[in-house]
Amino acid sequence: PTEAGLTVDALCVYNWVKARSRDSLVVIWGHSLGTGVSSNTAVKLLEEGVLLDGVILEGAFNTRRQEITFHPFTWFYWKIPVIGYFLPGPWEKN
């Protein structure tokens, strides 16, 4: 799965839920790595002129490097002192 593919899926789910929610609020929620998809989905909807009821980003991260650094599945890599030198530069900025 890619972020673009997950965003397409999230847009479909949002539209499906919104069509069936009547007057209820529909909030986009993302956790950890899912905050990227949630943010991207919200931006796409706003570009389409959709007024969102809310967006919740829980445990969001600033860069991919930060996400990789603090993700529980990668803890063992960070025991190696020089591992940071092997991460691509664009991950610092993205």
PDB file of N, CA and C in Angstrom:
ATOM      1  N   PRO A   1       0.826  -1.206   0.000  1.00  0.00           N
ATOM      2  CA  PRO A   1       0.000   0.000   0.000  1.00  0.00           C
ATOM      3  C   PRO A   1       0.864   1.262   0.000  1.00  0.00           C
ATOM      4  N   THR A   2       0.374   2.256  -0.684  1.00  0.00           N
ATOM      5  CA  THR A   2       1.058   3.542  -0.730  1.00  0.00           C
ATOM      6  C   THR A   2       0.204   4.597  -0.037  1.00  0.00           C
ATOM      7  N   GLU A   3       0.814   5.739   0.280  1.00  0.00           N
ATOM      8  CA  GLU A   3       0.037   6.818   0.896  1.00  0.00           C
ATOM      9  C   GLU A   3      -1.063   7.287  -0.052  1.00  0.00           C
ATOM     10  N   ALA A   4      -0.747   7.363  -1.347  1.00  0.00           N
ATOM     11  CA  ALA A   4      -1.753   7.792  -2.325  1.00  0.00           C
ATOM     12  C   ALA A   4      -2.915   6.798  -2.382  1.00  0.00           C
ATOM     13  N   GLY A   5      -2.594   5.509  -2.379  1.00  0.00           N
ATOM     14  CA  GLY A   5      -3.640   4.488  -2.400  1.00  0.00           C
ATOM     15  C   GLY A   5      -4.487   4.497  -1.141  1.00  0.00           C
ATOM     16  N   LEU A   6      -3.832   4.665   0.003  1.00  0.00           N
ATOM     17  CA  LEU A   6      -4.568   4.735   1.266  1.00  0.00           C
ATOM     18  C   LEU A   6      -5.444   5.982   1.325  1.00  0.00           C
ATOM     19  N   THR A   7      -4.965   7.071   0.727  1.00  0.00           N
ATOM     20  CA  THR A   7      -5.760   8.299   0.693  1.00  0.00           C
ATOM     21  C   THR A   7      -7.010   8.108  -0.153  1.00  0.00           C
ATOM     22  N   VAL A   8      -6.878   7.441  -1.284  1.00  0.00           N
ATOM     23  CA  VAL A   8      -8.050   7.138  -2.120  1.00  0.00           C
ATOM     24  C   VAL A   8      -9.049   6.305  -1.327  1.00  0.00           C
ATOM     25  N   ASP A   9      -8.558   5.297  -0.615  1.00  0.00           N
ATOM     26  CA  ASP A   9      -9.437   4.468   0.220  1.00  0.00           C
ATOM     27  C   ASP A   9     -10.115   5.304   1.299  1.00  0.00           C
ATOM     28  N   ALA A  10      -9.342   6.179   1.948  1.00  0.00           N
ATOM     29  CA  ALA A  10      -9.896   7.020   3.017  1.00  0.00           C
ATOM     30  C   ALA A  10     -10.953   7.974   2.479  1.00  0.00           C
ATOM     31  N   LEU A  11     -10.743   8.511   1.287  1.00  0.00           N
ATOM     32  CA  LEU A  11     -11.739   9.389   0.669  1.00  0.00           C
ATOM     33  C   LEU A  11     -13.036   8.633   0.398  1.00  0.00           C
ATOM     34  N   CYS A  12     -12.911   7.403  -0.083  1.00  0.00           N
ATOM     35  CA  CYS A  12     -14.105   6.577  -0.331  1.00  0.00           C
ATOM     36  C   CYS A  12     -14.850   6.296   0.969  1.00  0.00           C
ATOM     37  N   VAL A  13     -14.116   5.952   2.017  1.00  0.00           N
ATOM     38  CA  VAL A  13     -14.746   5.676   3.314  1.00  0.00           C
ATOM     39  C   VAL A  13     -15.414   6.939   3.852  1.00  0.00           C
ATOM     40  N   TYR A  14     -14.723   8.074   3.769  1.00  0.00           N
ATOM     41  CA  TYR A  14     -15.295   9.334   4.257  1.00  0.00           C
ATOM     42  C   TYR A  14     -16.609   9.640   3.531  1.00  0.00           C
ATOM     43  N   ASN A  15     -16.584   9.557   2.203  1.00  0.00           N
ATOM     44  CA  ASN A  15     -17.790   9.848   1.421  1.00  0.00           C
ATOM     45  C   ASN A  15     -18.919   8.880   1.740  1.00  0.00           C
ATOM     46  N   TRP A  16     -18.591   7.602   1.936  1.00  0.00           N
ATOM     47  CA  TRP A  16     -19.598   6.598   2.272  1.00  0.00           C
ATOM     48  C   TRP A  16     -20.229   6.908   3.631  1.00  0.00           C
ATOM     49  N   VAL A  17     -19.383   7.187   4.631  1.00  0.00           N
ATOM     50  CA  VAL A  17     -19.884   7.489   5.980  1.00  0.00           C
ATOM     51  C   VAL A  17     -20.687   8.785   5.972  1.00  0.00           C
ATOM     52  N   LYS A  18     -20.179   9.806   5.305  1.00  0.00           N
ATOM     53  CA  LYS A  18     -20.852  11.109   5.277  1.00  0.00           C
ATOM     54  C   LYS A  18     -22.237  10.990   4.631  1.00  0.00           C
ATOM     55  N   ALA A  19     -22.349  10.172   3.597  1.00  0.00           N
ATOM     56  CA  ALA A  19     -23.634   9.990   2.915  1.00  0.00           C
ATOM     57  C   ALA A  19     -24.664   9.303   3.804  1.00  0.00           C
ATOM     58  N   ARG A  20     -24.213   8.542   4.789  1.00  0.00           N
ATOM     59  CA  ARG A  20     -25.120   7.783   5.648  1.00  0.00           C
ATOM     60  C   ARG A  20     -25.256   8.364   7.053  1.00  0.00           C
ATOM     61  N   SER A  21     -24.549   9.431   7.351  1.00  0.00           N
ATOM     62  CA  SER A  21     -24.525   9.945   8.721  1.00  0.00           C
ATOM     63  C   SER A  21     -25.639  10.940   9.025  1.00  0.00           C
ATOM     64  N   ARG A  22     -26.397  11.296   8.006  1.00  0.00           N
ATOM     65  CA  ARG A  22     -27.463  12.302   8.155  1.00  0.00           C
ATOM     66  C   ARG A  22     -26.889  13.582   8.735  1.00  0.00           C
ATOM     67  N   ASP A  23     -27.349  13.986   9.913  1.00  0.00           N
ATOM     68  CA  ASP A  23     -26.887  15.245  10.505  1.00  0.00           C
ATOM     69  C   ASP A  23     -25.754  15.058  11.512  1.00  0.00           C
ATOM     70  N   SER A  24     -25.261  13.839  11.652  1.00  0.00           N
ATOM     71  CA  SER A  24     -24.181  13.581  12.610  1.00  0.00           C
ATOM     72  C   SER A  24     -22.858  14.148  12.099  1.00  0.00           C
ATOM     73  N   LEU A  25     -22.010  14.531  13.035  1.00  0.00           N
ATOM     74  CA  LEU A  25     -20.675  14.993  12.675  1.00  0.00           C
ATOM     75  C   LEU A  25     -19.815  13.808  12.247  1.00  0.00           C
ATOM     76  N   VAL A  26     -18.975  14.030  11.267  1.00  0.00           N
ATOM     77  CA  VAL A  26     -18.020  13.011  10.820  1.00  0.00           C
ATOM     78  C   VAL A  26     -16.630  13.623  10.948  1.00  0.00           C
ATOM     79  N   VAL A  27     -15.799  13.000  11.763  1.00  0.00           N
ATOM     80  CA  VAL A  27     -14.459  13.505  12.043  1.00  0.00           C
ATOM     81  C   VAL A  27     -13.432  12.544  11.455  1.00  0.00           C
ATOM     82  N   ILE A  28     -12.416  13.089  10.825  1.00  0.00           N
ATOM     83  CA  ILE A  28     -11.310  12.277  10.316  1.00  0.00           C
ATOM     84  C   ILE A  28     -10.306  12.123  11.449  1.00  0.00           C
ATOM     85  N   TRP A  29      -9.923  10.875  11.732  1.00  0.00           N
ATOM     86  CA  TRP A  29      -9.008  10.601  12.837  1.00  0.00           C
ATOM     87  C   TRP A  29      -7.844   9.765  12.324  1.00  0.00           C
ATOM     88  N   GLY A  30      -6.632  10.155  12.694  1.00  0.00           N
ATOM     89  CA  GLY A  30      -5.454   9.388  12.334  1.00  0.00           C
ATOM     90  C   GLY A  30      -4.542   9.233  13.532  1.00  0.00           C
ATOM     91  N   HIS A  31      -3.906   8.072  13.619  1.00  0.00           N
ATOM     92  CA  HIS A  31      -2.999   7.789  14.730  1.00  0.00           C
ATOM     93  C   HIS A  31      -1.633   7.402  14.180  1.00  0.00           C
ATOM     94  N   SER A  32      -0.585   7.998  14.720  1.00  0.00           N
ATOM     95  CA  SER A  32       0.797   7.684  14.387  1.00  0.00           C
ATOM     96  C   SER A  32       1.033   7.797  12.880  1.00  0.00           C
ATOM     97  N   LEU A  33       1.414   6.713  12.232  1.00  0.00           N
ATOM     98  CA  LEU A  33       1.676   6.743  10.801  1.00  0.00           C
ATOM     99  C   LEU A  33       0.421   7.105  10.009  1.00  0.00           C
ATOM    100  N   GLY A  34      -0.747   6.804  10.551  1.00  0.00           N
ATOM    101  CA  GLY A  34      -2.014   7.140   9.900  1.00  0.00           C
ATOM    102  C   GLY A  34      -2.305   8.625   9.859  1.00  0.00           C
ATOM    103  N   THR A  35      -1.556   9.428  10.629  1.00  0.00           N
ATOM    104  CA  THR A  35      -1.783  10.870  10.594  1.00  0.00           C
ATOM    105  C   THR A  35      -1.400  11.459   9.237  1.00  0.00           C
ATOM    106  N   GLY A  36      -0.456  10.833   8.565  1.00  0.00           N
ATOM    107  CA  GLY A  36      -0.094  11.293   7.222  1.00  0.00           C
ATOM    108  C   GLY A  36      -1.236  11.102   6.244  1.00  0.00           C
ATOM    109  N   VAL A  37      -1.859   9.937   6.296  1.00  0.00           N
ATOM    110  CA  VAL A  37      -3.004   9.646   5.428  1.00  0.00           C
ATOM    111  C   VAL A  37      -4.186  10.534   5.798  1.00  0.00           C
ATOM    112  N   SER A  38      -4.431  10.707   7.086  1.00  0.00           N
ATOM    113  CA  SER A  38      -5.543  11.551   7.535  1.00  0.00           C
ATOM    114  C   SER A  38      -5.358  12.997   7.092  1.00  0.00           C
ATOM    115  N   SER A  39      -4.147  13.508   7.239  1.00  0.00           N
ATOM    116  CA  SER A  39      -3.856  14.881   6.815  1.00  0.00           C
ATOM    117  C   SER A  39      -4.038  15.036   5.313  1.00  0.00           C
ATOM    118  N   ASN A  40      -3.515  14.073   4.571  1.00  0.00           N
ATOM    119  CA  ASN A  40      -3.629  14.115   3.117  1.00  0.00           C
ATOM    120  C   ASN A  40      -5.092  14.042   2.685  1.00  0.00           C
ATOM    121  N   THR A  41      -5.871  13.199   3.350  1.00  0.00           N
ATOM    122  CA  THR A  41      -7.300  13.079   3.046  1.00  0.00           C
ATOM    123  C   THR A  41      -8.019  14.391   3.315  1.00  0.00           C
ATOM    124  N   ALA A  42      -7.713  15.014   4.440  1.00  0.00           N
ATOM    125  CA  ALA A  42      -8.343  16.294   4.784  1.00  0.00           C
ATOM    126  C   ALA A  42      -8.005  17.362   3.744  1.00  0.00           C
ATOM    127  N   VAL A  43      -6.755  17.404   3.310  1.00  0.00           N
ATOM    128  CA  VAL A  43      -6.350  18.389   2.301  1.00  0.00           C
ATOM    129  C   VAL A  43      -7.104  18.156   0.996  1.00  0.00           C
ATOM    130  N   LYS A  44      -7.199  16.900   0.565  1.00  0.00           N
ATOM    131  CA  LYS A  44      -7.920  16.588  -0.678  1.00  0.00           C
ATOM    132  C   LYS A  44      -9.378  17.019  -0.583  1.00  0.00           C
ATOM    133  N   LEU A  45     -10.019  16.762   0.551  1.00  0.00           N
ATOM    134  CA  LEU A  45     -11.417  17.151   0.727  1.00  0.00           C
ATOM    135  C   LEU A  45     -11.567  18.671   0.722  1.00  0.00           C
ATOM    136  N   LEU A  46     -10.662  19.369   1.387  1.00  0.00           N
ATOM    137  CA  LEU A  46     -10.709  20.834   1.398  1.00  0.00           C
ATOM    138  C   LEU A  46     -10.502  21.405  -0.004  1.00  0.00           C
ATOM    139  N   GLU A  47      -9.625  20.782  -0.783  1.00  0.00           N
ATOM    140  CA  GLU A  47      -9.409  21.223  -2.168  1.00  0.00           C
ATOM    141  C   GLU A  47     -10.665  21.043  -3.013  1.00  0.00           C
ATOM    142  N   GLU A  48     -11.506  20.061  -2.640  1.00  0.00           N
ATOM    143  CA  GLU A  48     -12.772  19.828  -3.342  1.00  0.00           C
ATOM    144  C   GLU A  48     -13.882  20.736  -2.818  1.00  0.00           C
ATOM    145  N   GLY A  49     -13.571  21.560  -1.818  1.00  0.00           N
ATOM    146  CA  GLY A  49     -14.565  22.470  -1.264  1.00  0.00           C
ATOM    147  C   GLY A  49     -15.418  21.875  -0.160  1.00  0.00           C
ATOM    148  N   VAL A  50     -15.017  20.735   0.367  1.00  0.00           N
ATOM    149  CA  VAL A  50     -15.757  20.079   1.446  1.00  0.00           C
ATOM    150  C   VAL A  50     -15.393  20.744   2.775  1.00  0.00           C
ATOM    151  N   LEU A  51     -16.402  21.141   3.537  1.00  0.00           N
ATOM    152  CA  LEU A  51     -16.168  21.685   4.876  1.00  0.00           C
ATOM    153  C   LEU A  51     -16.141  20.523   5.861  1.00  0.00           C
ATOM    154  N   LEU A  52     -15.025  20.342   6.523  1.00  0.00           N
ATOM    155  CA  LEU A  52     -14.853  19.209   7.432  1.00  0.00           C
ATOM    156  C   LEU A  52     -15.420  19.522   8.808  1.00  0.00           C
ATOM    157  N   ASP A  53     -15.952  18.488   9.466  1.00  0.00           N
ATOM    158  CA  ASP A  53     -16.438  18.637  10.834  1.00  0.00           C
ATOM    159  C   ASP A  53     -15.286  18.625  11.830  1.00  0.00           C
ATOM    160  N   GLY A  54     -14.180  17.996  11.467  1.00  0.00           N
ATOM    161  CA  GLY A  54     -13.029  17.968  12.356  1.00  0.00           C
ATOM    162  C   GLY A  54     -11.981  16.979  11.892  1.00  0.00           C
ATOM    163  N   VAL A  55     -10.755  17.200  12.344  1.00  0.00           N
ATOM    164  CA  VAL A  55      -9.635  16.300  12.082  1.00  0.00           C
ATOM    165  C   VAL A  55      -8.888  16.115  13.395  1.00  0.00           C
ATOM    166  N   ILE A  56      -8.649  14.864  13.775  1.00  0.00           N
ATOM    167  CA  ILE A  56      -7.902  14.546  14.991  1.00  0.00           C
ATOM    168  C   ILE A  56      -6.637  13.803  14.581  1.00  0.00           C
ATOM    169  N   LEU A  57      -5.492  14.336  14.980  1.00  0.00           N
ATOM    170  CA  LEU A  57      -4.209  13.689  14.716  1.00  0.00           C
ATOM    171  C   LEU A  57      -3.608  13.291  16.054  1.00  0.00           C
ATOM    172  N   GLU A  58      -3.582  11.999  16.320  1.00  0.00           N
ATOM    173  CA  GLU A  58      -3.091  11.483  17.604  1.00  0.00           C
ATOM    174  C   GLU A  58      -1.729  10.838  17.410  1.00  0.00           C
ATOM    175  N   GLY A  59      -0.771  11.274  18.186  1.00  0.00           N
ATOM    176  CA  GLY A  59       0.573  10.698  18.084  1.00  0.00           C
ATOM    177  C   GLY A  59       1.219  11.012  16.748  1.00  0.00           C
ATOM    178  N   ALA A  60       0.977  12.222  16.254  1.00  0.00           N
ATOM    179  CA  ALA A  60       1.520  12.616  14.952  1.00  0.00           C
ATOM    180  C   ALA A  60       3.038  12.773  15.021  1.00  0.00           C
ATOM    181  N   PHE A  61       3.664  12.806  13.860  1.00  0.00           N
ATOM    182  CA  PHE A  61       5.110  12.961  13.770  1.00  0.00           C
ATOM    183  C   PHE A  61       5.425  14.100  12.810  1.00  0.00           C
ATOM    184  N   ASN A  62       6.629  14.638  12.897  1.00  0.00           N
ATOM    185  CA  ASN A  62       7.032  15.761  12.045  1.00  0.00           C
ATOM    186  C   ASN A  62       7.710  15.322  10.758  1.00  0.00           C
ATOM    187  N   THR A  63       8.530  14.275  10.833  1.00  0.00           N
ATOM    188  CA  THR A  63       9.262  13.796   9.664  1.00  0.00           C
ATOM    189  C   THR A  63       9.246  12.277   9.662  1.00  0.00           C
ATOM    190  N   ARG A  64       9.547  11.696   8.506  1.00  0.00           N
ATOM    191  CA  ARG A  64       9.630  10.227   8.425  1.00  0.00           C
ATOM    192  C   ARG A  64      10.754   9.711   9.324  1.00  0.00           C
ATOM    193  N   ARG A  65      11.848  10.451   9.356  1.00  0.00           N
ATOM    194  CA  ARG A  65      12.966  10.031  10.210  1.00  0.00           C
ATOM    195  C   ARG A  65      12.523   9.967  11.672  1.00  0.00           C
ATOM    196  N   GLN A  66      11.757  10.977  12.120  1.00  0.00           N
ATOM    197  CA  GLN A  66      11.268  10.970  13.498  1.00  0.00           C
ATOM    198  C   GLN A  66      10.350   9.770  13.730  1.00  0.00           C
ATOM    199  N   GLU A  67       9.502   9.469  12.771  1.00  0.00           N
ATOM    200  CA  GLU A  67       8.596   8.329  12.910  1.00  0.00           C
ATOM    201  C   GLU A  67       9.389   7.034  13.014  1.00  0.00           C
ATOM    202  N   ILE A  68      10.388   6.878  12.153  1.00  0.00           N
ATOM    203  CA  ILE A  68      11.201   5.663  12.182  1.00  0.00           C
ATOM    204  C   ILE A  68      11.989   5.576  13.484  1.00  0.00           C
ATOM    205  N   THR A  69      12.484   6.695  13.949  1.00  0.00           N
ATOM    206  CA  THR A  69      13.284   6.716  15.171  1.00  0.00           C
ATOM    207  C   THR A  69      12.484   6.250  16.378  1.00  0.00           C
ATOM    208  N   PHE A  70      11.236   6.650  16.471  1.00  0.00           N
ATOM    209  CA  PHE A  70      10.455   6.370  17.668  1.00  0.00           C
ATOM    210  C   PHE A  70       9.436   5.248  17.510  1.00  0.00           C
ATOM    211  N   HIS A  71       9.392   4.612  16.350  1.00  0.00           N
ATOM    212  CA  HIS A  71       8.434   3.521  16.155  1.00  0.00           C
ATOM    213  C   HIS A  71       8.891   2.301  16.949  1.00  0.00           C
ATOM    214  N   PRO A  72       7.967   1.640  17.659  1.00  0.00           N
ATOM    215  CA  PRO A  72       8.369   0.518  18.516  1.00  0.00           C
ATOM    216  C   PRO A  72       8.991  -0.661  17.766  1.00  0.00           C
ATOM    217  N   PHE A  73       8.693  -0.822  16.481  1.00  0.00           N
ATOM    218  CA  PHE A  73       9.243  -1.953  15.740  1.00  0.00           C
ATOM    219  C   PHE A  73      10.682  -1.722  15.280  1.00  0.00           C
ATOM    220  N   THR A  74      11.191  -0.506  15.408  1.00  0.00           N
ATOM    221  CA  THR A  74      12.546  -0.223  14.929  1.00  0.00           C
ATOM    222  C   THR A  74      13.531   0.066  16.057  1.00  0.00           C
ATOM    223  N   TRP A  75      13.138  -0.213  17.282  1.00  0.00           N
ATOM    224  CA  TRP A  75      13.990   0.107  18.434  1.00  0.00           C
ATOM    225  C   TRP A  75      15.376  -0.528  18.328  1.00  0.00           C
ATOM    226  N   PHE A  76      15.466  -1.739  17.788  1.00  0.00           N
ATOM    227  CA  PHE A  76      16.745  -2.447  17.755  1.00  0.00           C
ATOM    228  C   PHE A  76      17.732  -1.802  16.787  1.00  0.00           C
ATOM    229  N   TYR A  77      17.242  -1.122  15.736  1.00  0.00           N
ATOM    230  CA  TYR A  77      18.147  -0.431  14.821  1.00  0.00           C
ATOM    231  C   TYR A  77      18.871   0.712  15.511  1.00  0.00           C
ATOM    232  N   TRP A  78      18.210   1.340  16.457  1.00  0.00           N
ATOM    233  CA  TRP A  78      18.786   2.522  17.087  1.00  0.00           C
ATOM    234  C   TRP A  78      19.804   2.169  18.166  1.00  0.00           C
ATOM    235  N   LYS A  79      20.042   0.882  18.374  1.00  0.00           N
ATOM    236  CA  LYS A  79      21.135   0.444  19.244  1.00  0.00           C
ATOM    237  C   LYS A  79      22.474   0.548  18.511  1.00  0.00           C
ATOM    238  N   ILE A  80      22.412   0.676  17.176  1.00  0.00           N
ATOM    239  CA  ILE A  80      23.615   0.816  16.356  1.00  0.00           C
ATOM    240  C   ILE A  80      23.919   2.311  16.248  1.00  0.00           C
ATOM    241  N   PRO A  81      25.053   2.778  16.786  1.00  0.00           N
ATOM    242  CA  PRO A  81      25.330   4.219  16.863  1.00  0.00           C
ATOM    243  C   PRO A  81      25.329   4.967  15.528  1.00  0.00           C
ATOM    244  N   VAL A  82      25.725   4.337  14.427  1.00  0.00           N
ATOM    245  CA  VAL A  82      25.868   5.057  13.155  1.00  0.00           C
ATOM    246  C   VAL A  82      24.662   4.901  12.231  1.00  0.00           C
ATOM    247  N   ILE A  83      23.592   4.317  12.704  1.00  0.00           N
ATOM    248  CA  ILE A  83      22.449   4.031  11.826  1.00  0.00           C
ATOM    249  C   ILE A  83      21.880   5.298  11.176  1.00  0.00           C
ATOM    250  N   GLY A  84      21.950   6.434  11.864  1.00  0.00           N
ATOM    251  CA  GLY A  84      21.422   7.685  11.318  1.00  0.00           C
ATOM    252  C   GLY A  84      22.083   8.120  10.022  1.00  0.00           C
ATOM    253  N   TYR A  85      23.325   7.719   9.820  1.00  0.00           N
ATOM    254  CA  TYR A  85      24.044   8.092   8.601  1.00  0.00           C
ATOM    255  C   TYR A  85      23.517   7.352   7.373  1.00  0.00           C
ATOM    256  N   PHE A  86      22.811   6.259   7.567  1.00  0.00           N
ATOM    257  CA  PHE A  86      22.335   5.455   6.450  1.00  0.00           C
ATOM    258  C   PHE A  86      20.925   5.817   5.999  1.00  0.00           C
ATOM    259  N   LEU A  87      20.268   6.707   6.725  1.00  0.00           N
ATOM    260  CA  LEU A  87      18.925   7.118   6.326  1.00  0.00           C
ATOM    261  C   LEU A  87      19.016   8.178   5.238  1.00  0.00           C
ATOM    262  N   PRO A  88      18.177   8.070   4.219  1.00  0.00           N
ATOM    263  CA  PRO A  88      18.217   9.052   3.124  1.00  0.00           C
ATOM    264  C   PRO A  88      17.940  10.469   3.616  1.00  0.00           C
ATOM    265  N   GLY A  89      18.631  11.439   3.020  1.00  0.00           N
ATOM    266  CA  GLY A  89      18.456  12.846   3.361  1.00  0.00           C
ATOM    267  C   GLY A  89      17.028  13.347   3.226  1.00  0.00           C
ATOM    268  N   PRO A  90      16.288  12.955   2.158  1.00  0.00           N
ATOM    269  CA  PRO A  90      14.918  13.451   2.016  1.00  0.00           C
ATOM    270  C   PRO A  90      14.015  13.097   3.203  1.00  0.00           C
ATOM    271  N   TRP A  91      14.336  12.048   3.944  1.00  0.00           N
ATOM    272  CA  TRP A  91      13.509  11.692   5.100  1.00  0.00           C
ATOM    273  C   TRP A  91      13.602  12.760   6.176  1.00  0.00           C
ATOM    274  N   GLU A  92      14.703  13.506   6.184  1.00  0.00           N
ATOM    275  CA  GLU A  92      14.852  14.599   7.137  1.00  0.00           C
ATOM    276  C   GLU A  92      13.829  15.690   6.863  1.00  0.00           C
ATOM    277  N   LYS A  93      13.568  15.935   5.585  1.00  0.00           N
ATOM    278  CA  LYS A  93      12.734  17.063   5.181  1.00  0.00           C
ATOM    279  C   LYS A  93      11.282  16.688   4.963  1.00  0.00           C
ATOM    280  N   ASN A  94      10.973  15.425   4.759  1.00  0.00           N
ATOM    281  CA  ASN A  94       9.616  15.004   4.423  1.00  0.00           C
ATOM    282  C   ASN A  94       8.825  14.713   5.673  1.00  0.00           C
TER     283      ASN A  94
END
